[in-house]
């Protein structure tokens, strides 16, 4: 079976289920969503929690401006790179969900992955 290593389905592959959908029980789905969250974040940029809100806002604006920059877009197209940007708010939501994963679910995942 083909599936996406992600919490949710990609708009590009709506017919392919995401890992987070596959678990037969709520606990298993939680494990798979936790595991898939790193893929959803991709190659994201993060700052420390103590960075002042105005700096975070400036960084988010600069990133959004870059995504509209014609030189950037031309380079991405030339290199045939898929860019699927997520907003800072969406990334914060993904991180918050991952951090809220119950400890017993994380421990079970460690066991399944042989990390315990």
Foldseek 3Di string as FASTA:
>chain_A
DAAAQALADDPVCNVHHHQLVPDPDPLSSLLSNLRSLVVVCPPHDDDDPPDDPVVVVVVQVVVVVLVVDPVNVVVCVVVVHDDDDDGPVVNVVSVVSNVPRDPVSVVVSCVVVVND
